[in-house]
N, C-alpha and C. Protein backbone atom coordinates (compact mmCIF):
# COMPACT_ATOMS: atom_id res chain seq x y z
N MET A 1 121.25 36.54 -80.59
CA MET A 1 120.74 35.87 -81.81
C MET A 1 121.91 35.38 -82.43
N SER A 2 121.72 34.38 -83.32
CA SER A 2 122.92 33.85 -83.59
C SER A 2 122.86 34.19 -85.15
N THR A 3 123.62 33.88 -86.02
CA THR A 3 123.69 34.43 -87.48
C THR A 3 122.69 33.38 -88.17
N ALA A 4 122.75 31.97 -87.81
CA ALA A 4 122.16 31.08 -88.67
C ALA A 4 120.57 31.16 -88.26
N GLN A 5 119.82 31.56 -87.57
CA GLN A 5 118.83 31.76 -87.13
C GLN A 5 118.37 33.24 -88.15
N ARG A 6 119.28 34.06 -88.45
CA ARG A 6 118.83 35.22 -89.19
C ARG A 6 119.07 34.82 -90.76
N ASP A 7 119.85 33.88 -91.23
CA ASP A 7 119.94 33.14 -92.45
C ASP A 7 118.67 32.41 -93.14
N ALA A 8 118.12 31.67 -91.89
CA ALA A 8 117.33 31.30 -91.92
C ALA A 8 116.17 31.46 -92.88
N GLY A 9 115.59 32.85 -92.58
CA GLY A 9 114.34 33.87 -93.43
C GLY A 9 114.36 33.96 -94.42
N ILE A 10 113.62 34.21 -95.08
CA ILE A 10 113.78 34.57 -96.39
C ILE A 10 113.91 35.96 -96.69
N ASP A 11 114.63 36.16 -97.61
CA ASP A 11 115.69 37.96 -98.03
C ASP A 11 114.10 38.14 -98.99
N PHE A 12 113.77 39.59 -98.59
CA PHE A 12 112.57 39.61 -99.67
C PHE A 12 113.15 40.73 -100.67
N THR A 13 114.62 40.72 -100.70
CA THR A 13 115.05 41.53 -101.88
C THR A 13 115.42 40.18 -103.02
N ASP A 14 115.44 39.08 -102.34
CA ASP A 14 115.23 38.35 -103.63
C ASP A 14 113.86 38.20 -104.79
N ILE A 15 113.14 38.36 -104.02
CA ILE A 15 111.77 38.25 -104.92
C ILE A 15 111.46 39.51 -105.90
N PRO A 16 111.77 40.59 -105.74
CA PRO A 16 111.79 41.90 -106.74
C PRO A 16 112.92 41.45 -107.85
N ARG A 17 114.28 40.96 -107.23
CA ARG A 17 114.99 40.64 -108.05
C ARG A 17 114.67 39.56 -109.24
N ALA A 18 114.09 38.39 -108.74
CA ALA A 18 113.61 37.13 -109.53
C ALA A 18 112.47 37.65 -110.12
N VAL A 19 111.60 38.54 -110.14
CA VAL A 19 110.61 39.19 -110.69
C VAL A 19 111.07 39.71 -112.10
N LEU A 20 112.09 40.64 -111.85
CA LEU A 20 112.78 41.42 -112.61
C LEU A 20 113.45 40.47 -113.74
N SER A 21 114.02 39.49 -113.22
CA SER A 21 114.73 38.54 -114.26
C SER A 21 113.95 37.90 -115.21
N ILE A 22 112.80 37.21 -114.37
CA ILE A 22 111.85 36.89 -115.32
C ILE A 22 111.11 37.65 -116.25
N ALA A 23 111.04 38.49 -115.96
CA ALA A 23 110.39 39.67 -116.72
C ALA A 23 111.53 40.20 -118.03
N ALA A 24 112.41 40.13 -117.47
CA ALA A 24 113.74 40.93 -118.69
C ALA A 24 113.26 39.46 -119.86
N GLU A 25 113.51 38.11 -119.09
CA GLU A 25 113.85 37.12 -120.18
C GLU A 25 112.56 37.23 -121.02
N VAL A 26 111.72 37.49 -120.64
CA VAL A 26 110.16 37.29 -121.05
C VAL A 26 110.17 38.54 -122.67
N VAL A 27 110.54 39.45 -122.08
CA VAL A 27 110.72 40.32 -123.34
C VAL A 27 111.82 40.33 -123.89
N HIS A 28 112.79 39.66 -123.61
CA HIS A 28 113.82 39.15 -124.61
C HIS A 28 113.09 38.06 -125.41
N THR A 29 112.64 37.23 -124.80
CA THR A 29 112.02 36.05 -125.89
C THR A 29 111.00 36.54 -126.53
N VAL A 30 110.25 37.49 -126.35
CA VAL A 30 108.92 38.06 -126.98
C VAL A 30 109.57 38.95 -127.80
N GLU A 31 110.79 39.68 -127.71
CA GLU A 31 111.33 40.59 -128.80
C GLU A 31 111.89 39.43 -129.86
N ARG A 32 112.48 38.52 -129.68
CA ARG A 32 112.99 37.62 -130.33
C ARG A 32 112.09 37.16 -131.55
N ALA A 33 110.86 36.87 -130.58
CA ALA A 33 109.93 36.03 -131.92
C ALA A 33 109.07 37.23 -132.35
N VAL A 34 108.75 38.21 -131.95
CA VAL A 34 108.28 39.57 -132.66
C VAL A 34 109.35 39.59 -134.17
N VAL A 35 110.57 40.15 -133.66
CA VAL A 35 111.29 41.11 -134.41
C VAL A 35 111.95 40.03 -135.39
N GLY A 36 113.08 38.88 -134.78
CA GLY A 36 113.52 38.22 -135.59
C GLY A 36 115.00 37.97 -134.91
N ASP A 37 115.32 36.75 -134.87
CA ASP A 37 116.87 36.90 -134.36
C ASP A 37 117.89 38.06 -135.14
N ALA A 38 117.86 38.17 -136.17
CA ALA A 38 118.43 39.15 -136.86
C ALA A 38 118.57 40.70 -136.49
N ARG A 39 116.92 40.79 -135.87
CA ARG A 39 117.09 42.00 -136.11
C ARG A 39 117.19 42.87 -134.52
N VAL A 40 117.21 41.39 -133.71
CA VAL A 40 117.14 42.11 -132.31
C VAL A 40 118.39 42.88 -131.84
N ARG A 41 117.99 44.17 -131.20
CA ARG A 41 119.10 44.94 -130.89
C ARG A 41 120.01 44.44 -129.80
N THR A 42 121.37 44.67 -130.00
CA THR A 42 122.29 44.53 -129.44
C THR A 42 123.12 45.43 -128.65
N ALA A 43 124.25 45.22 -127.89
CA ALA A 43 125.19 46.38 -128.07
C ALA A 43 126.03 46.70 -128.73
N ARG A 44 126.35 45.48 -129.33
CA ARG A 44 126.75 45.86 -130.35
C ARG A 44 126.51 46.66 -131.75
N GLY A 45 124.99 46.34 -132.00
CA GLY A 45 124.91 46.80 -132.73
C GLY A 45 124.32 48.42 -132.57
N ASN A 46 123.90 48.61 -131.18
CA ASN A 46 124.07 49.98 -130.91
C ASN A 46 125.32 50.84 -130.80
N ALA A 47 126.20 50.08 -130.53
CA ALA A 47 127.80 50.76 -130.69
C ALA A 47 128.29 51.53 -132.34
N TRP A 48 127.60 50.30 -132.95
CA TRP A 48 127.86 50.43 -134.70
C TRP A 48 127.05 51.65 -135.01
N GLU A 49 125.82 51.55 -134.44
CA GLU A 49 124.73 52.55 -134.93
C GLU A 49 125.33 54.03 -134.55
N ALA A 50 125.87 53.98 -133.32
CA ALA A 50 126.57 55.63 -132.92
C ALA A 50 127.70 55.92 -133.58
N VAL A 51 128.55 54.72 -133.92
CA VAL A 51 129.92 55.02 -134.72
C VAL A 51 129.26 55.82 -136.07
N CYS A 52 128.21 55.32 -136.69
CA CYS A 52 127.96 55.33 -138.09
C CYS A 52 127.19 57.03 -137.74
N ALA A 53 126.50 57.31 -136.97
CA ALA A 53 125.92 58.52 -136.74
C ALA A 53 127.19 59.77 -136.42
N ASP A 54 128.21 59.11 -135.61
CA ASP A 54 129.28 60.20 -135.65
C ASP A 54 129.67 60.49 -136.71
N ARG A 55 129.98 59.46 -137.50
CA ARG A 55 130.72 59.55 -139.02
C ARG A 55 129.72 60.73 -139.98
N ALA A 56 128.40 60.37 -139.57
CA ALA A 56 127.45 60.89 -140.31
C ALA A 56 127.95 62.60 -139.94
N ARG A 57 127.72 62.97 -138.45
CA ARG A 57 127.88 64.41 -138.05
C ARG A 57 129.01 64.60 -138.66
N ALA A 58 130.36 64.20 -138.55
CA ALA A 58 131.37 64.45 -138.85
C ALA A 58 131.35 65.15 -140.14
N HIS A 59 130.66 64.05 -141.07
CA HIS A 59 130.83 64.67 -142.66
C HIS A 59 129.97 65.94 -142.68
N GLN A 60 128.80 65.68 -142.14
CA GLN A 60 128.34 67.11 -142.34
C GLN A 60 129.04 68.54 -141.54
N ARG A 61 129.24 68.25 -140.60
CA ARG A 61 130.68 69.64 -140.29
C ARG A 61 131.42 69.65 -141.32
N ASP A 62 132.09 68.79 -141.82
CA ASP A 62 133.15 69.05 -142.87
C ASP A 62 132.40 69.73 -144.25
N GLU A 63 131.35 69.22 -144.47
CA GLU A 63 130.71 70.18 -145.53
C GLU A 63 130.16 71.34 -145.38
N ILE A 64 129.97 71.86 -144.23
CA ILE A 64 129.65 72.83 -143.65
C ILE A 64 130.70 73.98 -143.75
N ARG A 65 131.77 73.38 -143.06
CA ARG A 65 133.18 74.36 -143.30
C ARG A 65 133.73 74.41 -144.59
N ARG A 66 133.82 73.23 -145.28
CA ARG A 66 133.83 73.66 -146.78
C ARG A 66 133.27 74.77 -147.64
N ILE A 67 131.80 74.61 -146.96
CA ILE A 67 131.05 75.86 -148.04
C ILE A 67 131.35 77.01 -147.54
N VAL A 68 131.16 77.12 -146.17
CA VAL A 68 131.94 78.68 -145.48
C VAL A 68 133.13 79.22 -145.88
N SER A 69 133.86 78.17 -145.99
CA SER A 69 135.29 78.84 -146.97
C SER A 69 135.12 79.05 -147.85
N ALA A 70 134.26 78.27 -148.78
CA ALA A 70 134.59 78.59 -150.22
C ALA A 70 133.89 79.81 -150.45
N LEU A 71 132.63 80.34 -149.54
CA LEU A 71 131.94 81.70 -149.28
C LEU A 71 132.96 82.67 -148.75
N ALA A 72 133.56 82.33 -148.31
CA ALA A 72 134.63 83.27 -147.69
C ALA A 72 135.54 83.38 -148.47
N ALA A 73 136.05 82.57 -149.54
CA ALA A 73 137.16 82.98 -150.39
C ALA A 73 136.55 83.78 -151.60
N THR A 74 134.79 83.47 -151.53
CA THR A 74 134.35 84.55 -152.87
C THR A 74 133.87 85.59 -152.68
N ARG A 75 134.16 85.81 -151.21
CA ARG A 75 133.26 87.36 -150.78
C ARG A 75 133.78 88.16 -151.46
N ILE A 76 133.33 89.37 -152.06
CA ILE A 76 133.48 90.42 -152.65
C ILE A 76 133.53 91.45 -151.92
N ASP A 77 134.61 92.35 -151.24
CA ASP A 77 134.67 93.32 -150.46
C ASP A 77 134.06 94.57 -151.07
N THR A 78 133.14 94.72 -150.54
CA THR A 78 132.56 96.36 -150.91
C THR A 78 133.05 97.49 -149.83
N PRO A 79 133.56 98.41 -150.54
CA PRO A 79 133.81 99.83 -149.46
C PRO A 79 132.94 99.91 -148.25
N ALA A 80 133.58 100.72 -147.35
CA ALA A 80 132.54 100.79 -145.93
C ALA A 80 131.92 101.73 -146.67
N ARG A 81 130.42 102.19 -146.36
CA ARG A 81 129.48 103.01 -146.71
C ARG A 81 129.74 104.58 -145.88
N GLU A 82 129.91 105.73 -145.94
CA GLU A 82 129.81 106.94 -145.11
C GLU A 82 128.72 106.94 -144.58
N PRO A 83 128.64 107.59 -142.91
CA PRO A 83 127.44 107.38 -142.55
C PRO A 83 126.60 108.78 -143.40
N VAL A 84 125.29 108.78 -143.22
CA VAL A 84 124.63 109.80 -143.50
C VAL A 84 124.32 110.83 -142.61
N SER A 85 124.76 112.03 -143.16
CA SER A 85 124.64 113.06 -142.19
C SER A 85 122.86 113.97 -142.26
């Protein structure tokens, strides 16, 4: 068998790839038509959304730490109770 005969056949892995490629393009086109170009989700938009979410979580953590430290600073120390016999 020569390599030329084997390459002359149809590669069946190309068909699913082509179908997936066309389907992805159709979904992308429909998304742009329905949502609009300005609101299409992109990698850059997803990354910025993740950065904003991280900042919000960090802000919430800082706020909780501030509240806990304020509560700890104003805590009234009560004397230890003696066990009841």
